[in-house]
């Protein structure tokens, strides 16, 4: 089983690209639990919600892993939870790193905020490109610090799609 994670700031195409990869390569795709959480809670998240959101994301991921698909595409993982917790509340639960490091990910596709427009959707809160760049940089620093395999995805939508498809194709042929 190959596990590919889409990471990076909001409105950089993670969900769109995850769906594109799933449609093209098959396997299973796991969505972003926090969207489900917000839709059902109908309120902004709080510091007290972070463990429930992270555990929900892990439960979805672990259920998909248990099915042992050839390819598992994760729209996000705990790195996003960790960085959003730090962004919104100035801290994150220490166990998030432990859980991230305990799981194997074959490839991180890190999406740049450059060259695509931010789109409001009722849940996003970083319309400023500088904020999304900072989130991207913090994502890259964590991935590199922990020596995780990464391909940075840049460009317009078609360029992103082509880069991601090639990276996943290489993973599946490895």
C-alpha atoms as a PDB file:
ATOM      1  CA  UNK A   1       0.000   0.000   0.000  1.00  0.00           C
ATOM      2  CA  UNK A   2       1.283   3.440  -0.949  1.00  0.00           C
ATOM      3  CA  UNK A   3       0.128   6.368   1.197  1.00  0.00           C
ATOM      4  CA  UNK A   4       0.163   9.829  -0.369  1.00  0.00           C
ATOM      5  CA  UNK A   5      -0.652  12.921   1.710  1.00  0.00           C
ATOM      6  CA  UNK A   6      -1.638  16.321   0.381  1.00  0.00           C
ATOM      7  CA  UNK A   7      -0.311  19.066   2.627  1.00  0.00           C
ATOM      8  CA  UNK A   8      -0.097  22.828   2.606  1.00  0.00           C
ATOM      9  CA  UNK A   9      -2.153  25.945   3.181  1.00  0.00           C
ATOM     10  CA  UNK A  10      -5.844  26.334   2.594  1.00  0.00           C
ATOM     11  CA  UNK A  11      -7.133  27.080  -0.887  1.00  0.00           C
ATOM     12  CA  UNK A  12      -4.059  25.560  -2.562  1.00  0.00           C
ATOM     13  CA  UNK A  13      -6.018  22.702  -4.139  1.00  0.00           C
ATOM     14  CA  UNK A  14      -5.566  19.813  -1.710  1.00  0.00           C
ATOM     15  CA  UNK A  15      -9.151  18.524  -1.838  1.00  0.00           C
ATOM     16  CA  UNK A  16      -9.449  19.058  -5.587  1.00  0.00           C
ATOM     17  CA  UNK A  17      -6.145  17.312  -6.242  1.00  0.00           C
ATOM     18  CA  UNK A  18      -6.913  14.443  -3.854  1.00  0.00           C
ATOM     19  CA  UNK A  19     -10.138  13.807  -5.775  1.00  0.00           C
ATOM     20  CA  UNK A  20      -8.268  14.009  -9.109  1.00  0.00           C
ATOM     21  CA  UNK A  21      -5.676  11.491  -7.908  1.00  0.00           C
ATOM     22  CA  UNK A  22      -8.344   9.154  -6.557  1.00  0.00           C
ATOM     23  CA  UNK A  23     -10.375   9.314  -9.768  1.00  0.00           C
ATOM     24  CA  UNK A  24      -7.315   8.605 -11.918  1.00  0.00           C
ATOM     25  CA  UNK A  25      -5.395   6.049  -9.841  1.00  0.00           C
ATOM     26  CA  UNK A  26      -8.173   4.460  -7.771  1.00  0.00           C
ATOM     27  CA  UNK A  27      -7.585   3.184  -4.266  1.00  0.00           C
ATOM     28  CA  UNK A  28      -9.156   5.023  -1.353  1.00  0.00           C
ATOM     29  CA  UNK A  29      -9.338   8.697  -0.478  1.00  0.00           C
ATOM     30  CA  UNK A  30      -9.730  10.148   3.017  1.00  0.00           C
ATOM     31  CA  UNK A  31     -11.188  13.626   3.346  1.00  0.00           C
ATOM     32  CA  UNK A  32     -10.576  16.385   5.840  1.00  0.00           C
ATOM     33  CA  UNK A  33     -12.280  15.569   9.141  1.00  0.00           C
ATOM     34  CA  UNK A  34     -12.317  19.158  10.390  1.00  0.00           C
ATOM     35  CA  UNK A  35     -14.725  20.120   7.575  1.00  0.00           C
ATOM     36  CA  UNK A  36     -17.103  17.380   8.713  1.00  0.00           C
ATOM     37  CA  UNK A  37     -16.672  18.533  12.317  1.00  0.00           C
ATOM     38  CA  UNK A  38     -17.426  22.194  11.529  1.00  0.00           C
ATOM     39  CA  UNK A  39     -20.402  21.279   9.338  1.00  0.00           C
ATOM     40  CA  UNK A  40     -21.901  19.255  12.176  1.00  0.00           C
ATOM     41  CA  UNK A  41     -21.021  21.584  15.055  1.00  0.00           C
ATOM     42  CA  UNK A  42     -22.085  24.748  13.191  1.00  0.00           C
ATOM     43  CA  UNK A  43     -19.592  26.909  15.078  1.00  0.00           C
ATOM     44  CA  UNK A  44     -15.977  27.971  15.033  1.00  0.00           C
ATOM     45  CA  UNK A  45     -13.551  25.489  16.502  1.00  0.00           C
ATOM     46  CA  UNK A  46     -11.982  26.053  19.918  1.00  0.00           C
ATOM     47  CA  UNK A  47      -8.788  24.851  21.577  1.00  0.00           C
ATOM     48  CA  UNK A  48     -10.850  22.172  23.348  1.00  0.00           C
ATOM     49  CA  UNK A  49     -11.922  20.782  19.937  1.00  0.00           C
ATOM     50  CA  UNK A  50      -8.397  20.079  18.689  1.00  0.00           C
ATOM     51  CA  UNK A  51      -8.051  16.574  20.226  1.00  0.00           C
ATOM     52  CA  UNK A  52     -11.461  15.485  18.913  1.00  0.00           C
ATOM     53  CA  UNK A  53     -10.670  16.790  15.435  1.00  0.00           C
ATOM     54  CA  UNK A  54      -7.267  15.091  15.393  1.00  0.00           C
ATOM     55  CA  UNK A  55      -8.680  11.808  16.690  1.00  0.00           C
ATOM     56  CA  UNK A  56     -11.436  11.978  14.078  1.00  0.00           C
ATOM     57  CA  UNK A  57      -8.862  12.463  11.318  1.00  0.00           C
ATOM     58  CA  UNK A  58      -6.829   9.544  12.658  1.00  0.00           C
ATOM     59  CA  UNK A  59      -9.905   7.315  12.862  1.00  0.00           C
ATOM     60  CA  UNK A  60     -10.763   8.007   9.226  1.00  0.00           C
ATOM     61  CA  UNK A  61      -7.172   7.408   8.166  1.00  0.00           C
ATOM     62  CA  UNK A  62      -6.803   4.224  10.195  1.00  0.00           C
ATOM     63  CA  UNK A  63     -10.099   2.808   8.887  1.00  0.00           C
ATOM     64  CA  UNK A  64      -8.891   3.368   5.324  1.00  0.00           C
ATOM     65  CA  UNK A  65      -5.476   1.863   6.090  1.00  0.00           C
ATOM     66  CA  UNK A  66      -7.194  -1.242   7.481  1.00  0.00           C
ATOM     67  CA  UNK A  67      -8.721  -1.864   4.041  1.00  0.00           C
ATOM     68  CA  UNK A  68      -5.183  -2.096   2.577  1.00  0.00           C
ATOM     69  CA  UNK A  69      -5.849  -0.354  -0.746  1.00  0.00           C
ATOM     70  CA  UNK A  70      -3.101  -0.235  -3.347  1.00  0.00           C
ATOM     71  CA  UNK A  71      -3.168   3.562  -3.006  1.00  0.00           C
ATOM     72  CA  UNK A  72      -4.399   5.646  -0.088  1.00  0.00           C
ATOM     73  CA  UNK A  73      -4.777   9.359  -0.835  1.00  0.00           C
ATOM     74  CA  UNK A  74      -5.096  11.583   2.222  1.00  0.00           C
ATOM     75  CA  UNK A  75      -6.577  15.034   1.625  1.00  0.00           C
ATOM     76  CA  UNK A  76      -4.754  16.042   4.810  1.00  0.00           C
ATOM     77  CA  UNK A  77      -3.196  14.550   7.931  1.00  0.00           C
ATOM     78  CA  UNK A  78      -2.232  15.596  11.450  1.00  0.00           C
ATOM     79  CA  UNK A  79       0.413  18.060  10.287  1.00  0.00           C
ATOM     80  CA  UNK A  80      -2.375  20.332   9.115  1.00  0.00           C
ATOM     81  CA  UNK A  81      -4.186  19.884  12.436  1.00  0.00           C
ATOM     82  CA  UNK A  82      -0.988  20.691  14.310  1.00  0.00           C
ATOM     83  CA  UNK A  83      -0.192  23.816  12.300  1.00  0.00           C
ATOM     84  CA  UNK A  84      -3.761  25.145  12.407  1.00  0.00           C
ATOM     85  CA  UNK A  85      -3.861  24.597  16.156  1.00  0.00           C
ATOM     86  CA  UNK A  86      -0.645  26.613  16.484  1.00  0.00           C
ATOM     87  CA  UNK A  87      -1.957  29.288  14.114  1.00  0.00           C
ATOM     88  CA  UNK A  88      -5.305  29.716  15.830  1.00  0.00           C
ATOM     89  CA  UNK A  89      -4.435  28.992  19.458  1.00  0.00           C
ATOM     90  CA  UNK A  90      -0.660  29.412  19.744  1.00  0.00           C
ATOM     91  CA  UNK A  91      -0.090  25.774  20.694  1.00  0.00           C
ATOM     92  CA  UNK A  92      -0.841  22.205  19.697  1.00  0.00           C
ATOM     93  CA  UNK A  93      -1.124  18.969  21.658  1.00  0.00           C
ATOM     94  CA  UNK A  94       2.302  17.338  21.907  1.00  0.00           C
ATOM     95  CA  UNK A  95       0.901  13.927  20.998  1.00  0.00           C
ATOM     96  CA  UNK A  96       0.151  15.085  17.432  1.00  0.00           C
ATOM     97  CA  UNK A  97       3.833  14.772  16.508  1.00  0.00           C
ATOM     98  CA  UNK A  98       4.024  11.323  18.109  1.00  0.00           C
ATOM     99  CA  UNK A  99       1.049  10.131  16.063  1.00  0.00           C
ATOM    100  CA  UNK A 100       2.419  11.687  12.862  1.00  0.00           C
ATOM    101  CA  UNK A 101       5.783  10.041  13.322  1.00  0.00           C
ATOM    102  CA  UNK A 102       4.246   6.668  14.220  1.00  0.00           C
ATOM    103  CA  UNK A 103       2.591   6.344  10.792  1.00  0.00           C
ATOM    104  CA  UNK A 104       4.293   5.684   7.473  1.00  0.00           C
ATOM    105  CA  UNK A 105       3.640   8.069   4.589  1.00  0.00           C
ATOM    106  CA  UNK A 106       5.256   7.275   1.251  1.00  0.00           C
ATOM    107  CA  UNK A 107       4.927  10.758  -0.184  1.00  0.00           C
ATOM    108  CA  UNK A 108       3.877  14.256   0.845  1.00  0.00           C
ATOM    109  CA  UNK A 109       2.609  16.459  -1.959  1.00  0.00           C
ATOM    110  CA  UNK A 110       3.118  19.927  -0.520  1.00  0.00           C
ATOM    111  CA  UNK A 111       1.016  22.497  -2.361  1.00  0.00           C
ATOM    112  CA  UNK A 112       2.304  26.031  -2.718  1.00  0.00           C
ATOM    113  CA  UNK A 113      -0.153  28.902  -2.264  1.00  0.00           C
ATOM    114  CA  UNK A 114       1.409  30.681  -5.249  1.00  0.00           C
ATOM    115  CA  UNK A 115      -0.282  30.978  -8.656  1.00  0.00           C
ATOM    116  CA  UNK A 116      -3.800  30.034  -7.503  1.00  0.00           C
ATOM    117  CA  UNK A 117      -6.462  32.303  -6.080  1.00  0.00           C
ATOM    118  CA  UNK A 118      -7.721  32.028  -2.531  1.00  0.00           C
ATOM    119  CA  UNK A 119     -11.406  31.097  -2.538  1.00  0.00           C
ATOM    120  CA  UNK A 120     -13.708  31.783   0.391  1.00  0.00           C
ATOM    121  CA  UNK A 121     -15.885  28.834   1.365  1.00  0.00           C
ATOM    122  CA  UNK A 122     -17.226  29.743   4.799  1.00  0.00           C
ATOM    123  CA  UNK A 123     -14.522  27.798   6.648  1.00  0.00           C
ATOM    124  CA  UNK A 124     -11.296  29.279   5.302  1.00  0.00           C
ATOM    125  CA  UNK A 125      -9.707  32.158   7.183  1.00  0.00           C
ATOM    126  CA  UNK A 126      -6.380  33.048   5.531  1.00  0.00           C
ATOM    127  CA  UNK A 127      -7.163  35.289   2.557  1.00  0.00           C
ATOM    128  CA  UNK A 128      -3.733  36.968   2.755  1.00  0.00           C
ATOM    129  CA  UNK A 129      -1.104  35.306   0.591  1.00  0.00           C
ATOM    130  CA  UNK A 130       1.580  36.126   3.181  1.00  0.00           C
ATOM    131  CA  UNK A 131      -0.285  34.036   5.784  1.00  0.00           C
ATOM    132  CA  UNK A 132      -0.621  31.114   3.390  1.00  0.00           C
ATOM    133  CA  UNK A 133       3.064  31.389   2.462  1.00  0.00           C
ATOM    134  CA  UNK A 134       3.978  31.209   6.153  1.00  0.00           C
ATOM    135  CA  UNK A 135       1.790  28.111   6.591  1.00  0.00           C
ATOM    136  CA  UNK A 136       3.448  26.528   3.549  1.00  0.00           C
ATOM    137  CA  UNK A 137       6.901  27.290   4.955  1.00  0.00           C
ATOM    138  CA  UNK A 138       6.058  25.807   8.358  1.00  0.00           C
ATOM    139  CA  UNK A 139       4.742  22.682   6.599  1.00  0.00           C
ATOM    140  CA  UNK A 140       7.930  22.357   4.561  1.00  0.00           C
ATOM    141  CA  UNK A 141      10.124  22.873   7.622  1.00  0.00           C
ATOM    142  CA  UNK A 142       8.341  20.105   9.559  1.00  0.00           C
ATOM    143  CA  UNK A 143       8.494  17.692   6.617  1.00  0.00           C
ATOM    144  CA  UNK A 144      12.196  18.365   6.021  1.00  0.00           C
ATOM    145  CA  UNK A 145      13.062  18.309   9.732  1.00  0.00           C
ATOM    146  CA  UNK A 146      11.564  14.827   9.971  1.00  0.00           C
ATOM    147  CA  UNK A 147      13.097  13.645   6.675  1.00  0.00           C
ATOM    148  CA  UNK A 148       9.769  12.820   5.046  1.00  0.00           C
ATOM    149  CA  UNK A 149       9.575  12.322   1.279  1.00  0.00           C
ATOM    150  CA  UNK A 150       8.122  15.432  -0.357  1.00  0.00           C
ATOM    151  CA  UNK A 151       7.379  16.890  -3.753  1.00  0.00           C
ATOM    152  CA  UNK A 152       6.476  20.574  -3.826  1.00  0.00           C
ATOM    153  CA  UNK A 153       3.577  21.215  -6.178  1.00  0.00           C
ATOM    154  CA  UNK A 154       3.443  24.642  -7.852  1.00  0.00           C
ATOM    155  CA  UNK A 155       1.853  26.400 -10.779  1.00  0.00           C
ATOM    156  CA  UNK A 156      -1.653  26.683 -12.174  1.00  0.00           C
ATOM    157  CA  UNK A 157      -4.269  23.971 -11.780  1.00  0.00           C
ATOM    158  CA  UNK A 158      -3.191  21.916 -14.786  1.00  0.00           C
ATOM    159  CA  UNK A 159       0.482  22.171 -13.834  1.00  0.00           C
ATOM    160  CA  UNK A 160      -0.353  21.028 -10.301  1.00  0.00           C
ATOM    161  CA  UNK A 161      -2.337  18.113 -11.639  1.00  0.00           C
ATOM    162  CA  UNK A 162       0.483  17.040 -13.984  1.00  0.00           C
ATOM    163  CA  UNK A 163       3.150  17.291 -11.256  1.00  0.00           C
ATOM    164  CA  UNK A 164       1.058  15.346  -8.749  1.00  0.00           C
ATOM    165  CA  UNK A 165       0.130  12.635 -11.257  1.00  0.00           C
ATOM    166  CA  UNK A 166       3.783  12.156 -12.166  1.00  0.00           C
ATOM    167  CA  UNK A 167       4.866  11.962  -8.511  1.00  0.00           C
ATOM    168  CA  UNK A 168       2.178   9.394  -7.707  1.00  0.00           C
ATOM    169  CA  UNK A 169       2.921   7.424 -10.859  1.00  0.00           C
ATOM    170  CA  UNK A 170       6.563   7.193  -9.749  1.00  0.00           C
ATOM    171  CA  UNK A 171       5.508   6.068  -6.263  1.00  0.00           C
ATOM    172  CA  UNK A 172       3.274   3.337  -7.634  1.00  0.00           C
ATOM    173  CA  UNK A 173       6.061   2.104  -9.931  1.00  0.00           C
ATOM    174  CA  UNK A 174       8.721   2.147  -7.195  1.00  0.00           C
END
